C-alpha cells in the first residue's frame, strides 16, 4: 500500500492554506464594505447622503478599536497569502518543489543566485 504524502507550502497543508485564503478573502470583503459604509456615512457621495446612522452601521456592532485589530489581521493574512503565491510562482517557473522546513530561502538563494 502506497502512502500519499500531502504537499505542504511553508510548513502548512494545502487544506490549511485553503482556509487561510477563504478567511483572508472574507476579511478583505468585510473590511472593504465597512470602510465604504463609514466613508459614505461620514462624507456622503459628492457631499450628499451623509448619515450618522450609516456611519454607525458601518461598525457592524463593534467598537472602532476592534476594527483596527481586524484590519491588522486582514493585512497579515493577506501578506501570508501573497508569500505563498510567490513560492508557488517560483516552483512553477523552476520546476522544483521547495519543501518547508528545509531552508526554503537558502535553497532559493542557491538555486537562483544571489538575489537577496
N, C-alpha and C. Protein backbone atom coordinates (compact mmCIF):
# COMPACT_ATOMS: atom_id res chain seq x y z
N UNK A 1 0.85 -1.18 0.00
CA UNK A 1 0.00 0.00 0.00
C UNK A 1 0.89 1.24 0.00
N UNK A 2 0.68 2.11 -0.96
CA UNK A 2 1.50 3.32 -1.04
C UNK A 2 0.92 4.40 -0.16
N UNK A 3 1.80 5.15 0.41
CA UNK A 3 1.40 6.22 1.31
C UNK A 3 1.41 7.53 0.53
N UNK A 4 0.30 8.26 0.60
CA UNK A 4 0.19 9.53 -0.10
C UNK A 4 0.75 10.62 0.81
N UNK A 5 1.72 11.36 0.30
CA UNK A 5 2.31 12.45 1.06
C UNK A 5 1.61 13.73 0.63
N UNK A 6 0.98 14.37 1.59
CA UNK A 6 0.28 15.62 1.27
C UNK A 6 1.30 16.74 1.09
N UNK A 7 1.14 17.50 0.03
CA UNK A 7 2.04 18.61 -0.27
C UNK A 7 1.85 19.72 0.76
N UNK A 8 2.95 20.31 1.17
CA UNK A 8 2.91 21.42 2.10
C UNK A 8 3.64 22.61 1.50
N UNK A 9 3.18 23.79 1.84
CA UNK A 9 3.85 25.02 1.44
C UNK A 9 4.08 25.82 2.71
N UNK A 10 5.32 26.21 2.93
CA UNK A 10 5.71 26.96 4.13
C UNK A 10 5.29 26.23 5.41
N UNK A 11 5.33 24.91 5.38
CA UNK A 11 5.05 24.09 6.55
C UNK A 11 3.58 23.85 6.83
N UNK A 12 2.69 24.32 5.96
CA UNK A 12 1.25 24.13 6.19
C UNK A 12 0.63 23.33 5.05
N UNK A 13 -0.32 22.48 5.43
CA UNK A 13 -1.02 21.67 4.43
C UNK A 13 -1.83 22.57 3.50
N UNK A 14 -2.10 22.05 2.31
CA UNK A 14 -2.87 22.80 1.33
C UNK A 14 -4.28 23.09 1.86
N UNK A 15 -4.86 22.15 2.61
CA UNK A 15 -6.19 22.39 3.18
C UNK A 15 -6.17 23.56 4.17
N UNK A 16 -5.07 23.71 4.90
CA UNK A 16 -4.93 24.85 5.81
C UNK A 16 -4.81 26.14 5.00
N UNK A 17 -4.07 26.09 3.89
CA UNK A 17 -3.94 27.27 3.03
C UNK A 17 -5.29 27.66 2.45
N UNK A 18 -6.11 26.66 2.10
CA UNK A 18 -7.45 26.97 1.58
C UNK A 18 -8.26 27.76 2.60
N UNK A 19 -8.17 27.34 3.87
CA UNK A 19 -8.89 28.03 4.94
C UNK A 19 -8.35 29.45 5.12
N UNK A 20 -7.03 29.60 5.11
CA UNK A 20 -6.41 30.92 5.26
C UNK A 20 -6.84 31.84 4.13
N UNK A 21 -6.86 31.31 2.90
CA UNK A 21 -7.26 32.13 1.76
C UNK A 21 -8.72 32.56 1.85
N UNK A 22 -9.60 31.65 2.29
CA UNK A 22 -11.02 32.00 2.43
C UNK A 22 -11.23 33.04 3.53
N UNK A 23 -10.55 32.87 4.66
CA UNK A 23 -10.68 33.83 5.75
C UNK A 23 -10.13 35.19 5.32
N UNK A 24 -9.01 35.17 4.61
CA UNK A 24 -8.42 36.42 4.13
C UNK A 24 -9.36 37.13 3.16
N UNK A 25 -9.98 36.38 2.27
CA UNK A 25 -10.94 36.95 1.32
C UNK A 25 -12.15 37.52 2.05
N UNK A 26 -12.67 36.78 3.02
CA UNK A 26 -13.83 37.25 3.78
C UNK A 26 -13.49 38.52 4.56
N UNK A 27 -12.31 38.55 5.17
CA UNK A 27 -11.90 39.76 5.90
C UNK A 27 -11.73 40.95 4.96
N UNK A 28 -11.12 40.71 3.81
CA UNK A 28 -10.93 41.81 2.85
C UNK A 28 -12.27 42.37 2.39
N UNK A 29 -13.23 41.50 2.10
CA UNK A 29 -14.56 41.96 1.66
C UNK A 29 -15.27 42.71 2.79
N UNK A 30 -15.21 42.18 4.00
CA UNK A 30 -15.86 42.82 5.14
C UNK A 30 -15.23 44.18 5.44
N UNK A 31 -13.91 44.22 5.45
CA UNK A 31 -13.21 45.47 5.75
C UNK A 31 -13.49 46.50 4.65
N UNK A 32 -13.49 46.07 3.40
CA UNK A 32 -13.80 47.00 2.31
C UNK A 32 -15.21 47.55 2.39
N UNK A 33 -16.17 46.69 2.69
CA UNK A 33 -17.57 47.13 2.83
C UNK A 33 -17.71 48.09 4.01
N UNK A 34 -17.04 47.75 5.11
CA UNK A 34 -17.12 48.61 6.30
C UNK A 34 -16.52 49.98 6.03
N UNK A 35 -15.36 50.01 5.37
CA UNK A 35 -14.72 51.29 5.05
C UNK A 35 -15.60 52.12 4.11
N UNK A 36 -16.23 51.47 3.14
CA UNK A 36 -17.10 52.19 2.21
C UNK A 36 -18.30 52.78 2.95
N UNK A 37 -18.93 51.98 3.81
CA UNK A 37 -20.08 52.49 4.58
C UNK A 37 -19.66 53.63 5.50
N UNK A 38 -18.50 53.49 6.12
CA UNK A 38 -18.01 54.53 7.03
C UNK A 38 -17.75 55.83 6.28
N UNK A 39 -17.12 55.73 5.11
CA UNK A 39 -16.83 56.93 4.31
C UNK A 39 -18.12 57.58 3.82
N UNK A 40 -19.04 56.78 3.31
CA UNK A 40 -20.32 57.33 2.83
C UNK A 40 -21.09 57.96 3.98
N UNK A 41 -21.08 57.30 5.14
CA UNK A 41 -21.80 57.85 6.29
C UNK A 41 -21.21 59.15 6.78
N UNK A 42 -19.87 59.26 6.79
CA UNK A 42 -19.20 60.46 7.28
C UNK A 42 -19.18 61.60 6.26
N UNK A 43 -18.92 61.27 4.99
CA UNK A 43 -18.73 62.31 3.97
C UNK A 43 -19.80 62.34 2.91
N UNK A 44 -20.54 61.25 2.77
CA UNK A 44 -21.53 61.16 1.71
C UNK A 44 -20.86 60.87 0.38
N UNK A 45 -21.66 60.89 -0.66
CA UNK A 45 -21.14 60.72 -2.01
C UNK A 45 -21.23 62.07 -2.69
N UNK A 46 -20.08 62.65 -3.01
CA UNK A 46 -20.01 64.01 -3.55
C UNK A 46 -20.72 65.00 -2.62
N UNK A 47 -20.58 64.78 -1.31
CA UNK A 47 -21.16 65.68 -0.32
C UNK A 47 -22.62 65.44 -0.01
N UNK A 48 -23.25 64.51 -0.68
CA UNK A 48 -24.67 64.23 -0.45
C UNK A 48 -24.83 62.86 0.20
N UNK A 49 -25.83 62.78 1.04
CA UNK A 49 -26.16 61.49 1.65
C UNK A 49 -25.41 61.17 2.92
N UNK A 50 -24.86 62.20 3.59
CA UNK A 50 -24.19 61.95 4.87
C UNK A 50 -25.22 61.41 5.85
N UNK A 51 -24.80 60.45 6.65
CA UNK A 51 -25.75 59.85 7.59
C UNK A 51 -25.00 59.23 8.77
N UNK A 52 -25.31 59.72 9.96
CA UNK A 52 -24.71 59.13 11.16
C UNK A 52 -25.17 57.69 11.33
N UNK A 53 -26.39 57.41 10.89
CA UNK A 53 -26.92 56.05 11.01
C UNK A 53 -26.09 55.08 10.17
N UNK A 54 -25.73 55.48 8.95
CA UNK A 54 -24.90 54.63 8.09
C UNK A 54 -23.50 54.50 8.67
N UNK A 55 -22.96 55.59 9.19
CA UNK A 55 -21.62 55.55 9.80
C UNK A 55 -21.60 54.61 11.00
N UNK A 56 -22.64 54.66 11.82
CA UNK A 56 -22.71 53.75 12.97
C UNK A 56 -22.95 52.30 12.52
N UNK A 57 -23.72 52.12 11.46
CA UNK A 57 -23.96 50.79 10.92
C UNK A 57 -22.67 50.18 10.39
N UNK A 58 -21.77 51.02 9.92
CA UNK A 58 -20.51 50.54 9.34
C UNK A 58 -19.64 49.80 10.35
N UNK A 59 -19.85 50.02 11.60
CA UNK A 59 -19.03 49.34 12.62
C UNK A 59 -19.50 47.91 12.87
N UNK A 60 -20.66 47.55 12.32
CA UNK A 60 -21.19 46.20 12.46
C UNK A 60 -21.25 45.73 13.91
N UNK A 61 -21.55 46.66 14.80
CA UNK A 61 -21.71 46.34 16.21
C UNK A 61 -20.43 46.27 17.01
N UNK A 62 -19.30 46.57 16.40
CA UNK A 62 -18.02 46.52 17.11
C UNK A 62 -17.46 47.92 17.29
N UNK A 63 -16.78 48.17 18.41
CA UNK A 63 -16.13 49.48 18.59
C UNK A 63 -15.01 49.67 17.57
N UNK A 64 -14.66 50.93 17.31
CA UNK A 64 -13.61 51.25 16.33
C UNK A 64 -12.28 50.59 16.67
N UNK A 65 -11.93 50.48 17.95
CA UNK A 65 -10.63 49.91 18.32
C UNK A 65 -10.51 48.46 17.86
N UNK A 66 -11.61 47.71 17.83
CA UNK A 66 -11.56 46.34 17.34
C UNK A 66 -11.33 46.29 15.84
N UNK A 67 -11.84 47.28 15.14
CA UNK A 67 -11.66 47.29 13.69
C UNK A 67 -10.20 47.50 13.31
N UNK A 68 -9.44 48.23 14.14
CA UNK A 68 -8.01 48.36 13.88
C UNK A 68 -7.33 47.00 13.95
N UNK A 69 -7.72 46.19 14.95
CA UNK A 69 -7.14 44.86 15.10
C UNK A 69 -7.57 43.94 13.95
N UNK A 70 -8.82 44.06 13.53
CA UNK A 70 -9.31 43.26 12.41
C UNK A 70 -8.59 43.66 11.12
N UNK A 71 -8.35 44.95 10.93
CA UNK A 71 -7.57 45.41 9.77
C UNK A 71 -6.17 44.83 9.79
N UNK A 72 -5.54 44.81 10.97
CA UNK A 72 -4.19 44.27 11.09
C UNK A 72 -4.19 42.78 10.77
N UNK A 73 -5.18 42.04 11.28
CA UNK A 73 -5.28 40.61 11.00
C UNK A 73 -5.47 40.38 9.50
N UNK A 74 -6.32 41.16 8.88
CA UNK A 74 -6.54 41.04 7.44
C UNK A 74 -5.29 41.30 6.64
N UNK A 75 -4.52 42.32 7.05
CA UNK A 75 -3.26 42.63 6.37
C UNK A 75 -2.25 41.51 6.53
N UNK A 76 -2.15 40.95 7.74
CA UNK A 76 -1.21 39.85 8.00
C UNK A 76 -1.58 38.62 7.17
N UNK A 77 -2.85 38.26 7.16
CA UNK A 77 -3.27 37.09 6.38
C UNK A 77 -3.08 37.33 4.88
N UNK A 78 -3.38 38.54 4.42
CA UNK A 78 -3.15 38.86 3.01
C UNK A 78 -1.68 38.76 2.63
N UNK A 79 -0.81 39.21 3.52
CA UNK A 79 0.63 39.12 3.26
C UNK A 79 1.09 37.67 3.21
N UNK A 80 0.53 36.84 4.08
CA UNK A 80 0.86 35.42 4.09
C UNK A 80 0.42 34.75 2.79
N UNK A 81 -0.76 35.10 2.32
CA UNK A 81 -1.26 34.54 1.05
C UNK A 81 -0.37 35.00 -0.11
N UNK A 82 0.07 36.25 -0.09
CA UNK A 82 0.98 36.73 -1.13
C UNK A 82 2.32 36.00 -1.10
N UNK A 83 2.83 35.72 0.11
CA UNK A 83 4.07 34.97 0.23
C UNK A 83 3.91 33.58 -0.36
N UNK A 84 2.78 32.93 -0.09
CA UNK A 84 2.51 31.61 -0.67
C UNK A 84 2.46 31.69 -2.20
N UNK A 85 1.86 32.75 -2.72
CA UNK A 85 1.79 32.92 -4.17
C UNK A 85 3.19 33.06 -4.77
N UNK A 86 4.08 33.74 -4.07
CA UNK A 86 5.46 33.88 -4.54
C UNK A 86 6.13 32.50 -4.61
N UNK A 87 5.94 31.70 -3.55
CA UNK A 87 6.53 30.36 -3.52
C UNK A 87 5.95 29.52 -4.65
N UNK A 88 4.63 29.58 -4.85
CA UNK A 88 4.01 28.83 -5.94
C UNK A 88 4.55 29.24 -7.30
N UNK A 89 4.76 30.54 -7.49
CA UNK A 89 5.30 31.04 -8.75
C UNK A 89 6.73 30.56 -8.97
N UNK A 90 7.54 30.61 -7.91
CA UNK A 90 8.92 30.14 -8.01
C UNK A 90 8.95 28.65 -8.36
N UNK A 91 8.08 27.88 -7.73
CA UNK A 91 8.04 26.45 -8.02
C UNK A 91 7.61 26.19 -9.45
N UNK A 92 6.63 26.93 -9.94
CA UNK A 92 6.15 26.73 -11.30
C UNK A 92 7.23 27.09 -12.32
N UNK A 93 7.98 28.15 -12.07
CA UNK A 93 9.00 28.59 -13.02
C UNK A 93 10.24 27.71 -13.00
N UNK A 94 10.60 27.22 -11.81
CA UNK A 94 11.84 26.44 -11.72
C UNK A 94 11.60 24.95 -11.92
N UNK A 95 10.36 24.50 -11.73
CA UNK A 95 10.07 23.08 -11.84
C UNK A 95 10.48 22.29 -10.61
N UNK A 96 10.97 22.98 -9.59
CA UNK A 96 11.37 22.34 -8.34
C UNK A 96 10.33 22.62 -7.27
N UNK A 97 10.23 21.72 -6.32
CA UNK A 97 9.33 21.96 -5.18
C UNK A 97 10.19 22.32 -3.98
N UNK A 98 9.92 23.45 -3.41
CA UNK A 98 10.66 23.92 -2.26
C UNK A 98 9.96 23.42 -1.00
N UNK A 99 10.61 22.51 -0.31
CA UNK A 99 9.99 21.87 0.84
C UNK A 99 10.06 22.76 2.06
N UNK A 100 9.02 22.76 2.88
CA UNK A 100 9.04 23.59 4.09
C UNK A 100 10.00 23.02 5.12
N UNK A 101 10.58 23.90 5.91
CA UNK A 101 11.45 23.46 6.99
C UNK A 101 12.81 22.98 6.52
N UNK A 102 13.10 23.11 5.25
CA UNK A 102 14.38 22.64 4.72
C UNK A 102 15.17 23.81 4.15
N UNK A 103 14.98 24.97 4.73
CA UNK A 103 15.74 26.13 4.30
C UNK A 103 15.28 26.68 2.97
N UNK A 104 13.99 26.96 2.86
CA UNK A 104 13.45 27.43 1.59
C UNK A 104 14.21 28.65 1.08
N UNK A 105 14.46 29.63 1.95
CA UNK A 105 15.14 30.84 1.50
C UNK A 105 16.58 30.54 1.08
N UNK A 106 17.26 29.68 1.83
CA UNK A 106 18.62 29.33 1.47
C UNK A 106 18.64 28.54 0.17
N UNK A 107 17.69 27.61 0.01
CA UNK A 107 17.61 26.83 -1.21
C UNK A 107 17.31 27.75 -2.39
N UNK A 108 16.42 28.71 -2.18
CA UNK A 108 16.09 29.65 -3.23
C UNK A 108 17.32 30.47 -3.62
N UNK A 109 18.06 30.91 -2.61
CA UNK A 109 19.24 31.72 -2.87
C UNK A 109 20.26 30.94 -3.69
N UNK A 110 20.45 29.66 -3.36
CA UNK A 110 21.44 28.88 -4.10
C UNK A 110 20.92 28.51 -5.49
N UNK A 111 19.60 28.37 -5.65
CA UNK A 111 19.04 27.98 -6.94
C UNK A 111 19.01 29.15 -7.91
N UNK A 112 18.71 30.33 -7.43
CA UNK A 112 18.54 31.48 -8.31
C UNK A 112 19.70 32.47 -8.25
N UNK A 113 20.71 32.16 -7.51
CA UNK A 113 21.83 33.09 -7.37
C UNK A 113 21.59 34.06 -6.23
N UNK A 114 22.43 35.01 -6.11
CA UNK A 114 22.36 35.97 -5.00
C UNK A 114 21.33 37.05 -5.31
N UNK A 115 20.09 36.79 -4.94
CA UNK A 115 19.02 37.75 -5.21
C UNK A 115 18.65 38.54 -3.97
N UNK A 116 19.17 38.18 -2.84
CA UNK A 116 18.81 38.86 -1.59
C UNK A 116 19.86 39.86 -1.21
